[in-house]
Amino acid sequence: MKKTLVLIAAALLSANIYAHDDDLGVLMHGFKTEFRDAANASSVDEMKAAVMKFDDLVEQAKKLEYPPKKEATFQDGYQKLSVALDKVEMALDKGDLKQAKSELKNVDMVRREFHRKLR
């Protein structure tokens, strides 16, 4: 009986870990989609919609639990990503699509930096 309970508990804990991986995977896929939509936008409003969705996804990702050894790196990356997205939003608020797309390059640089750090 105890053996069965231990196995069930282990399975539930494992399912939780995999659910987290799935959640992160879904969010990361959303990051990619919204980044692409922002980069391909042909108007300020279109880009603003994608950037706002991207920013919402980043906020959701900040709330996930990460392995203790990687928690600080994930949070640092999300903070830098939020700052970079804020700069894009400021350019969009000024109606400057060209500047917003230029600032979007910094978002991609943050992505590359933290993908390297989290390998």
C-alpha atoms as a PDB file:
ATOM      1  CA  MET A   1       0.000   0.000   0.000  1.00  0.00           C
ATOM      2  CA  LYS A   2       2.763   2.431   0.947  1.00  0.00           C
ATOM      3  CA  LYS A   3       4.634   1.535  -2.211  1.00  0.00           C
ATOM      4  CA  THR A   4       1.563   2.378  -4.301  1.00  0.00           C
ATOM      5  CA  LEU A   5       1.117   5.744  -2.576  1.00  0.00           C
ATOM      6  CA  VAL A   6       4.766   6.602  -3.113  1.00  0.00           C
ATOM      7  CA  LEU A   7       4.495   5.724  -6.795  1.00  0.00           C
ATOM      8  CA  ILE A   8       1.331   7.798  -7.188  1.00  0.00           C
ATOM      9  CA  ALA A   9       2.945  10.758  -5.404  1.00  0.00           C
ATOM     10  CA  ALA A  10       6.032  10.487  -7.613  1.00  0.00           C
ATOM     11  CA  ALA A  11       3.872  10.375 -10.736  1.00  0.00           C
ATOM     12  CA  LEU A  12       1.933  13.452  -9.653  1.00  0.00           C
ATOM     13  CA  LEU A  13       5.101  15.387  -8.913  1.00  0.00           C
ATOM     14  CA  SER A  14       6.569  14.378 -12.250  1.00  0.00           C
ATOM     15  CA  ALA A  15       3.393  15.467 -14.019  1.00  0.00           C
ATOM     16  CA  ASN A  16       3.714  18.847 -12.332  1.00  0.00           C
ATOM     17  CA  ILE A  17       7.253  19.289 -13.607  1.00  0.00           C
ATOM     18  CA  TYR A  18       6.220  18.338 -17.125  1.00  0.00           C
ATOM     19  CA  ALA A  19       3.211  20.661 -16.953  1.00  0.00           C
ATOM     20  CA  HIS A  20       5.637  23.477 -16.139  1.00  0.00           C
ATOM     21  CA  ASP A  21       7.777  22.567 -19.138  1.00  0.00           C
ATOM     22  CA  ASP A  22       4.647  22.584 -21.280  1.00  0.00           C
ATOM     23  CA  ASP A  23       3.604  25.976 -19.881  1.00  0.00           C
ATOM     24  CA  LEU A  24       7.024  27.434 -20.606  1.00  0.00           C
ATOM     25  CA  GLY A  25       7.018  25.898 -24.074  1.00  0.00           C
ATOM     26  CA  VAL A  26       3.630  27.419 -24.856  1.00  0.00           C
ATOM     27  CA  LEU A  27       4.782  30.830 -23.606  1.00  0.00           C
ATOM     28  CA  MET A  28       8.027  30.658 -25.585  1.00  0.00           C
ATOM     29  CA  HIS A  29       6.077  29.736 -28.718  1.00  0.00           C
ATOM     30  CA  GLY A  30       3.880  32.766 -28.011  1.00  0.00           C
ATOM     31  CA  PHE A  31       7.005  34.944 -27.667  1.00  0.00           C
ATOM     32  CA  LYS A  32       8.136  33.786 -31.110  1.00  0.00           C
ATOM     33  CA  THR A  33       4.728  34.379 -32.694  1.00  0.00           C
ATOM     34  CA  GLU A  34       4.267  37.856 -31.231  1.00  0.00           C
ATOM     35  CA  PHE A  35       7.853  38.854 -32.033  1.00  0.00           C
ATOM     36  CA  ARG A  36       7.334  37.769 -35.644  1.00  0.00           C
ATOM     37  CA  ASP A  37       4.010  39.614 -35.827  1.00  0.00           C
ATOM     38  CA  ALA A  38       5.603  42.773 -34.410  1.00  0.00           C
ATOM     39  CA  ALA A  39       8.531  42.560 -36.834  1.00  0.00           C
ATOM     40  CA  ASN A  40       6.177  42.075 -39.791  1.00  0.00           C
ATOM     41  CA  ALA A  41       3.705  44.775 -38.755  1.00  0.00           C
ATOM     42  CA  SER A  42       2.971  47.434 -41.319  1.00  0.00           C
ATOM     43  CA  SER A  43       1.316  49.912 -38.962  1.00  0.00           C
ATOM     44  CA  VAL A  44       1.824  51.283 -35.467  1.00  0.00           C
ATOM     45  CA  ASP A  45      -1.477  49.792 -34.288  1.00  0.00           C
ATOM     46  CA  GLU A  46      -0.654  46.368 -35.667  1.00  0.00           C
ATOM     47  CA  MET A  47       2.778  46.374 -34.033  1.00  0.00           C
ATOM     48  CA  LYS A  48       1.410  47.728 -30.768  1.00  0.00           C
ATOM     49  CA  ALA A  49      -1.100  44.860 -30.549  1.00  0.00           C
ATOM     50  CA  ALA A  50       1.654  42.256 -31.006  1.00  0.00           C
ATOM     51  CA  VAL A  51       3.996  43.973 -28.533  1.00  0.00           C
ATOM     52  CA  MET A  52       1.277  44.212 -25.892  1.00  0.00           C
ATOM     53  CA  LYS A  53       0.515  40.482 -26.277  1.00  0.00           C
ATOM     54  CA  PHE A  54       4.243  39.744 -26.058  1.00  0.00           C
ATOM     55  CA  ASP A  55       4.510  41.840 -22.892  1.00  0.00           C
ATOM     56  CA  ASP A  56       1.556  39.966 -21.352  1.00  0.00           C
ATOM     57  CA  LEU A  57       3.267  36.649 -22.104  1.00  0.00           C
ATOM     58  CA  VAL A  58       6.467  37.872 -20.432  1.00  0.00           C
ATOM     59  CA  GLU A  59       4.479  38.770 -17.317  1.00  0.00           C
ATOM     60  CA  GLN A  60       2.982  35.274 -17.269  1.00  0.00           C
ATOM     61  CA  ALA A  61       6.429  33.716 -17.668  1.00  0.00           C
ATOM     62  CA  LYS A  62       7.757  35.706 -14.701  1.00  0.00           C
ATOM     63  CA  LYS A  63       5.228  33.935 -12.479  1.00  0.00           C
ATOM     64  CA  LEU A  64       6.308  30.389 -13.348  1.00  0.00           C
ATOM     65  CA  GLU A  65       8.556  28.395 -11.050  1.00  0.00           C
ATOM     66  CA  TYR A  66      12.043  27.590 -12.319  1.00  0.00           C
ATOM     67  CA  PRO A  67      14.834  25.343 -11.076  1.00  0.00           C
ATOM     68  CA  PRO A  68      16.572  27.139  -8.196  1.00  0.00           C
ATOM     69  CA  LYS A  69      19.910  27.271 -10.023  1.00  0.00           C
ATOM     70  CA  LYS A  70      18.308  28.980 -13.033  1.00  0.00           C
ATOM     71  CA  GLU A  71      15.638  31.127 -11.332  1.00  0.00           C
ATOM     72  CA  ALA A  72      17.777  34.280 -11.147  1.00  0.00           C
ATOM     73  CA  THR A  73      18.869  33.965 -14.768  1.00  0.00           C
ATOM     74  CA  PHE A  74      15.297  33.508 -15.991  1.00  0.00           C
ATOM     75  CA  GLN A  75      14.079  36.485 -13.964  1.00  0.00           C
ATOM     76  CA  ASP A  76      16.993  38.650 -15.132  1.00  0.00           C
ATOM     77  CA  GLY A  77      16.174  37.748 -18.718  1.00  0.00           C
ATOM     78  CA  TYR A  78      12.508  38.578 -18.296  1.00  0.00           C
ATOM     79  CA  GLN A  79      13.402  41.894 -16.663  1.00  0.00           C
ATOM     80  CA  LYS A  80      15.699  42.821 -19.557  1.00  0.00           C
ATOM     81  CA  LEU A  81      13.031  41.701 -22.001  1.00  0.00           C
ATOM     82  CA  SER A  82      10.451  43.922 -20.275  1.00  0.00           C
ATOM     83  CA  VAL A  83      12.797  46.929 -20.487  1.00  0.00           C
ATOM     84  CA  ALA A  84      13.445  46.274 -24.178  1.00  0.00           C
ATOM     85  CA  LEU A  85       9.700  45.923 -24.856  1.00  0.00           C
ATOM     86  CA  ASP A  86       9.028  49.166 -22.965  1.00  0.00           C
ATOM     87  CA  LYS A  87      11.372  50.977 -25.359  1.00  0.00           C
ATOM     88  CA  VAL A  88       9.485  49.519 -28.319  1.00  0.00           C
ATOM     89  CA  GLU A  89       6.201  50.658 -26.754  1.00  0.00           C
ATOM     90  CA  MET A  90       7.561  54.185 -26.186  1.00  0.00           C
ATOM     91  CA  ALA A  91       8.472  54.470 -29.868  1.00  0.00           C
ATOM     92  CA  LEU A  92       5.029  53.177 -30.836  1.00  0.00           C
ATOM     93  CA  ASP A  93       3.359  55.678 -28.496  1.00  0.00           C
ATOM     94  CA  LYS A  94       5.180  58.402 -30.434  1.00  0.00           C
ATOM     95  CA  GLY A  95       3.888  56.886 -33.675  1.00  0.00           C
ATOM     96  CA  ASP A  96       7.411  56.030 -34.844  1.00  0.00           C
ATOM     97  CA  LEU A  97       7.148  52.610 -36.493  1.00  0.00           C
ATOM     98  CA  LYS A  98      10.710  52.762 -37.838  1.00  0.00           C
ATOM     99  CA  GLN A  99      12.183  53.438 -34.382  1.00  0.00           C
ATOM    100  CA  ALA A 100       9.978  50.748 -32.823  1.00  0.00           C
ATOM    101  CA  LYS A 101      11.283  48.180 -35.293  1.00  0.00           C
ATOM    102  CA  SER A 102      14.825  49.300 -34.529  1.00  0.00           C
ATOM    103  CA  GLU A 103      14.167  48.851 -30.787  1.00  0.00           C
ATOM    104  CA  LEU A 104      12.704  45.408 -31.521  1.00  0.00           C
ATOM    105  CA  LYS A 105      16.208  44.316 -32.523  1.00  0.00           C
ATOM    106  CA  ASN A 106      17.204  44.756 -28.860  1.00  0.00           C
ATOM    107  CA  VAL A 107      14.450  42.320 -27.887  1.00  0.00           C
ATOM    108  CA  ASP A 108      16.037  39.766 -30.210  1.00  0.00           C
ATOM    109  CA  MET A 109      19.480  40.460 -28.701  1.00  0.00           C
ATOM    110  CA  VAL A 110      18.088  39.761 -25.203  1.00  0.00           C
ATOM    111  CA  ARG A 111      16.586  36.515 -26.486  1.00  0.00           C
ATOM    112  CA  ARG A 112      19.912  35.392 -27.910  1.00  0.00           C
ATOM    113  CA  GLU A 113      21.814  36.369 -24.765  1.00  0.00           C
ATOM    114  CA  PHE A 114      19.569  34.420 -22.416  1.00  0.00           C
ATOM    115  CA  HIS A 115      19.202  31.388 -24.647  1.00  0.00           C
ATOM    116  CA  ARG A 116      23.015  31.136 -24.452  1.00  0.00           C
ATOM    117  CA  LYS A 117      23.049  31.632 -20.683  1.00  0.00           C
ATOM    118  CA  LEU A 118      20.363  29.023 -20.054  1.00  0.00           C
ATOM    119  CA  ARG A 119      21.831  26.208 -22.137  1.00  0.00           C
END
